[in-house]
C-alpha atoms as a PDB file:
ATOM      1  CA  UNK A   1     171.220 197.313  18.680  1.00  0.00           C
ATOM      2  CA  UNK A   2     168.662 194.804  16.980  1.00  0.00           C
ATOM      3  CA  UNK A   3     168.799 191.644  17.748  1.00  0.00           C
ATOM      4  CA  UNK A   4     167.554 189.460  15.149  1.00  0.00           C
ATOM      5  CA  UNK A   5     165.802 186.266  15.158  1.00  0.00           C
ATOM      6  CA  UNK A   6     167.733 183.822  13.274  1.00  0.00           C
ATOM      7  CA  UNK A   7     165.938 181.132  12.282  1.00  0.00           C
ATOM      8  CA  UNK A   8     167.685 178.026  11.134  1.00  0.00           C
ATOM      9  CA  UNK A   9     167.451 175.378   8.897  1.00  0.00           C
ATOM     10  CA  UNK A  10     167.869 172.579   8.887  1.00  0.00           C
ATOM     11  CA  UNK A  11     170.688 171.184   6.508  1.00  0.00           C
ATOM     12  CA  UNK A  12     170.303 168.624   4.486  1.00  0.00           C
ATOM     13  CA  UNK A  13     172.126 166.053   1.755  1.00  0.00           C
ATOM     14  CA  UNK A  14     170.286 165.469  -1.497  1.00  0.00           C
ATOM     15  CA  UNK A  15     171.540 161.872  -1.491  1.00  0.00           C
ATOM     16  CA  UNK A  16     169.937 161.435  -5.360  1.00  0.00           C
ATOM     17  CA  UNK A  17     172.931 162.492  -7.480  1.00  0.00           C
ATOM     18  CA  UNK A  18     174.802 160.162  -5.246  1.00  0.00           C
ATOM     19  CA  UNK A  19     172.963 156.600  -6.226  1.00  0.00           C
ATOM     20  CA  UNK A  20     172.995 157.989  -9.736  1.00  0.00           C
ATOM     21  CA  UNK A  21     177.001 158.526 -10.781  1.00  0.00           C
ATOM     22  CA  UNK A  22     177.051 155.647  -7.986  1.00  0.00           C
ATOM     23  CA  UNK A  23     175.203 153.181 -10.904  1.00  0.00           C
ATOM     24  CA  UNK A  24     176.094 155.197 -13.428  1.00  0.00           C
ATOM     25  CA  UNK A  25     179.545 153.948 -12.938  1.00  0.00           C
ATOM     26  CA  UNK A  26     178.831 150.358 -12.260  1.00  0.00           C
ATOM     27  CA  UNK A  27     177.109 150.029 -15.467  1.00  0.00           C
ATOM     28  CA  UNK A  28     179.619 151.222 -17.157  1.00  0.00           C
ATOM     29  CA  UNK A  29     182.196 148.161 -15.229  1.00  0.00           C
ATOM     30  CA  UNK A  30     179.387 145.342 -15.820  1.00  0.00           C
ATOM     31  CA  UNK A  31     179.743 146.765 -19.890  1.00  0.00           C
ATOM     32  CA  UNK A  32     182.944 147.105 -20.078  1.00  0.00           C
ATOM     33  CA  UNK A  33     184.845 144.543 -17.940  1.00  0.00           C
ATOM     34  CA  UNK A  34     185.539 141.040 -20.427  1.00  0.00           C
ATOM     35  CA  UNK A  35     184.512 137.961 -19.062  1.00  0.00           C
ATOM     36  CA  UNK A  36     187.363 135.172 -19.709  1.00  0.00           C
ATOM     37  CA  UNK A  37     186.882 131.411 -19.480  1.00  0.00           C
ATOM     38  CA  UNK A  38     190.589 130.212 -20.242  1.00  0.00           C
ATOM     39  CA  UNK A  39     189.728 126.578 -19.244  1.00  0.00           C
ATOM     40  CA  UNK A  40     186.449 126.657 -22.199  1.00  0.00           C
ATOM     41  CA  UNK A  41     188.368 124.351 -24.121  1.00  0.00           C
ATOM     42  CA  UNK A  42     188.327 121.111 -22.042  1.00  0.00           C
ATOM     43  CA  UNK A  43     190.527 118.387 -24.088  1.00  0.00           C
ATOM     44  CA  UNK A  44     192.261 114.378 -23.722  1.00  0.00           C
ATOM     45  CA  UNK A  45     195.629 114.288 -24.824  1.00  0.00           C
ATOM     46  CA  UNK A  46     196.510 110.924 -25.818  1.00  0.00           C
ATOM     47  CA  UNK A  47     198.462 109.450 -23.647  1.00  0.00           C
ATOM     48  CA  UNK A  48     201.612 107.227 -25.035  1.00  0.00           C
ATOM     49  CA  UNK A  49     203.000 104.036 -24.586  1.00  0.00           C
ATOM     50  CA  UNK A  50     206.822 102.646 -24.433  1.00  0.00           C
ATOM     51  CA  UNK A  51     205.689  98.983 -25.515  1.00  0.00           C
ATOM     52  CA  UNK A  52     206.410  98.792 -29.584  1.00  0.00           C
ATOM     53  CA  UNK A  53     203.607  98.218 -31.382  1.00  0.00           C
ATOM     54  CA  UNK A  54     203.256  95.330 -33.349  1.00  0.00           C
ATOM     55  CA  UNK A  55     204.116  95.484 -36.632  1.00  0.00           C
ATOM     56  CA  UNK A  56     202.005  94.662 -39.675  1.00  0.00           C
ATOM     57  CA  UNK A  57     203.705  93.989 -42.604  1.00  0.00           C
ATOM     58  CA  UNK A  58     207.405  95.980 -43.142  1.00  0.00           C
ATOM     59  CA  UNK A  59     207.096 100.037 -42.895  1.00  0.00           C
ATOM     60  CA  UNK A  60     207.439 102.846 -45.474  1.00  0.00           C
ATOM     61  CA  UNK A  61     210.737 104.467 -43.722  1.00  0.00           C
ATOM     62  CA  UNK A  62     210.587 108.436 -44.334  1.00  0.00           C
ATOM     63  CA  UNK A  63     214.115 109.935 -42.779  1.00  0.00           C
ATOM     64  CA  UNK A  64     213.417 114.006 -43.337  1.00  0.00           C
ATOM     65  CA  UNK A  65     217.791 115.692 -42.351  1.00  0.00           C
ATOM     66  CA  UNK A  66     218.129 118.852 -40.846  1.00  0.00           C
ATOM     67  CA  UNK A  67     218.400 120.848 -44.041  1.00  0.00           C
ATOM     68  CA  UNK A  68     215.022 118.919 -45.318  1.00  0.00           C
ATOM     69  CA  UNK A  69     216.109 116.402 -48.133  1.00  0.00           C
ATOM     70  CA  UNK A  70     214.056 113.141 -48.030  1.00  0.00           C
ATOM     71  CA  UNK A  71     215.362 109.304 -48.029  1.00  0.00           C
ATOM     72  CA  UNK A  72     212.576 106.779 -48.553  1.00  0.00           C
ATOM     73  CA  UNK A  73     214.059 103.482 -46.818  1.00  0.00           C
ATOM     74  CA  UNK A  74     217.308 105.105 -47.066  1.00  0.00           C
ATOM     75  CA  UNK A  75     217.822 105.855 -50.736  1.00  0.00           C
ATOM     76  CA  UNK A  76     218.271 109.855 -50.445  1.00  0.00           C
ATOM     77  CA  UNK A  77     215.587 111.301 -53.247  1.00  0.00           C
ATOM     78  CA  UNK A  78     216.273 112.994 -56.079  1.00  0.00           C
ATOM     79  CA  UNK A  79     215.361 116.696 -54.915  1.00  0.00           C
ATOM     80  CA  UNK A  80     212.257 118.780 -52.526  1.00  0.00           C
ATOM     81  CA  UNK A  81     209.036 118.551 -54.889  1.00  0.00           C
ATOM     82  CA  UNK A  82     206.548 116.887 -53.845  1.00  0.00           C
ATOM     83  CA  UNK A  83     206.652 114.831 -57.205  1.00  0.00           C
ATOM     84  CA  UNK A  84     209.721 113.208 -57.178  1.00  0.00           C
ATOM     85  CA  UNK A  85     209.022 112.558 -53.279  1.00  0.00           C
ATOM     86  CA  UNK A  86     205.580 110.978 -54.758  1.00  0.00           C
ATOM     87  CA  UNK A  87     207.538 108.641 -57.266  1.00  0.00           C
ATOM     88  CA  UNK A  88     209.516 107.771 -54.989  1.00  0.00           C
ATOM     89  CA  UNK A  89     206.557 106.373 -52.562  1.00  0.00           C
ATOM     90  CA  UNK A  90     204.668 104.527 -55.296  1.00  0.00           C
ATOM     91  CA  UNK A  91     208.307 103.265 -56.267  1.00  0.00           C
ATOM     92  CA  UNK A  92     209.024 101.605 -52.330  1.00  0.00           C
ATOM     93  CA  UNK A  93     205.753 101.099 -51.975  1.00  0.00           C
ATOM     94  CA  UNK A  94     205.032  98.603 -55.074  1.00  0.00           C
ATOM     95  CA  UNK A  95     202.510  96.350 -54.917  1.00  0.00           C
ATOM     96  CA  UNK A  96     201.674  95.877 -51.450  1.00  0.00           C
ATOM     97  CA  UNK A  97     197.569  97.944 -50.505  1.00  0.00           C
ATOM     98  CA  UNK A  98     198.747  99.880 -47.934  1.00  0.00           C
ATOM     99  CA  UNK A  99     201.639  99.657 -45.412  1.00  0.00           C
ATOM    100  CA  UNK A 100     202.432 101.578 -42.575  1.00  0.00           C
ATOM    101  CA  UNK A 101     204.229 104.930 -42.993  1.00  0.00           C
ATOM    102  CA  UNK A 102     207.095 106.080 -40.258  1.00  0.00           C
ATOM    103  CA  UNK A 103     208.485 109.807 -40.636  1.00  0.00           C
ATOM    104  CA  UNK A 104     211.578 110.319 -38.644  1.00  0.00           C
ATOM    105  CA  UNK A 105     212.238 114.295 -39.263  1.00  0.00           C
ATOM    106  CA  UNK A 106     215.263 115.461 -37.424  1.00  0.00           C
ATOM    107  CA  UNK A 107     214.042 118.187 -34.336  1.00  0.00           C
ATOM    108  CA  UNK A 108     215.697 121.376 -36.921  1.00  0.00           C
ATOM    109  CA  UNK A 109     214.041 120.252 -40.156  1.00  0.00           C
ATOM    110  CA  UNK A 110     211.561 122.790 -41.652  1.00  0.00           C
ATOM    111  CA  UNK A 111     207.960 122.183 -40.276  1.00  0.00           C
ATOM    112  CA  UNK A 112     207.373 122.286 -44.238  1.00  0.00           C
ATOM    113  CA  UNK A 113     209.005 119.565 -45.223  1.00  0.00           C
ATOM    114  CA  UNK A 114     207.089 116.747 -42.945  1.00  0.00           C
ATOM    115  CA  UNK A 115     203.979 118.391 -43.479  1.00  0.00           C
ATOM    116  CA  UNK A 116     204.967 117.829 -47.006  1.00  0.00           C
ATOM    117  CA  UNK A 117     205.996 114.207 -46.442  1.00  0.00           C
ATOM    118  CA  UNK A 118     202.170 113.981 -44.859  1.00  0.00           C
ATOM    119  CA  UNK A 119     200.873 115.263 -47.707  1.00  0.00           C
ATOM    120  CA  UNK A 120     202.800 113.665 -50.191  1.00  0.00           C
ATOM    121  CA  UNK A 121     202.028 109.788 -48.840  1.00  0.00           C
ATOM    122  CA  UNK A 122     198.200 110.672 -48.696  1.00  0.00           C
ATOM    123  CA  UNK A 123     197.752 111.344 -52.077  1.00  0.00           C
ATOM    124  CA  UNK A 124     199.360 108.019 -52.817  1.00  0.00           C
ATOM    125  CA  UNK A 125     197.042 106.755 -50.585  1.00  0.00           C
ATOM    126  CA  UNK A 126     199.653 105.873 -47.225  1.00  0.00           C
ATOM    127  CA  UNK A 127     197.237 106.942 -44.693  1.00  0.00           C
ATOM    128  CA  UNK A 128     198.645 105.107 -41.838  1.00  0.00           C
ATOM    129  CA  UNK A 129     201.311 107.238 -40.796  1.00  0.00           C
ATOM    130  CA  UNK A 130     203.304 107.941 -37.791  1.00  0.00           C
ATOM    131  CA  UNK A 131     206.217 110.060 -36.913  1.00  0.00           C
ATOM    132  CA  UNK A 132     209.116 108.550 -34.897  1.00  0.00           C
ATOM    133  CA  UNK A 133     210.296 110.576 -31.506  1.00  0.00           C
ATOM    134  CA  UNK A 134     212.759 109.513 -29.290  1.00  0.00           C
ATOM    135  CA  UNK A 135     212.687 109.723 -25.093  1.00  0.00           C
ATOM    136  CA  UNK A 136     213.487 112.718 -23.449  1.00  0.00           C
ATOM    137  CA  UNK A 137     216.843 111.776 -21.061  1.00  0.00           C
ATOM    138  CA  UNK A 138     215.665 111.705 -17.415  1.00  0.00           C
ATOM    139  CA  UNK A 139     217.953 114.860 -15.567  1.00  0.00           C
END
């Protein structure tokens, strides 16, 4: 029986491939991650008080019902076309230079009706507009 002398080699672990893989994963996650700053736009919203505003002259009131029909100072406008609305606003405005306009729209009124009323008022030269609301009931 021949006994051979076994030489033991020292075992070593090569960490270079492992480090390469870890760096590649790190780079992958850094590149594909989306960083969002949800509150990037900071705005200061206006506050409304419940104090009545001092009226300067008699305001023009445009009322819009839930079907999108217009009423100017309690008189119904014939149709919902912008030209008809502009004519009615000019007539209601009379010789007043720039009376304030109050737009009162039903909560279920089409949004387009409100935009059309604002656009018609602007085209007629009525630039001081406000939209009337009602106070929310306390629960």
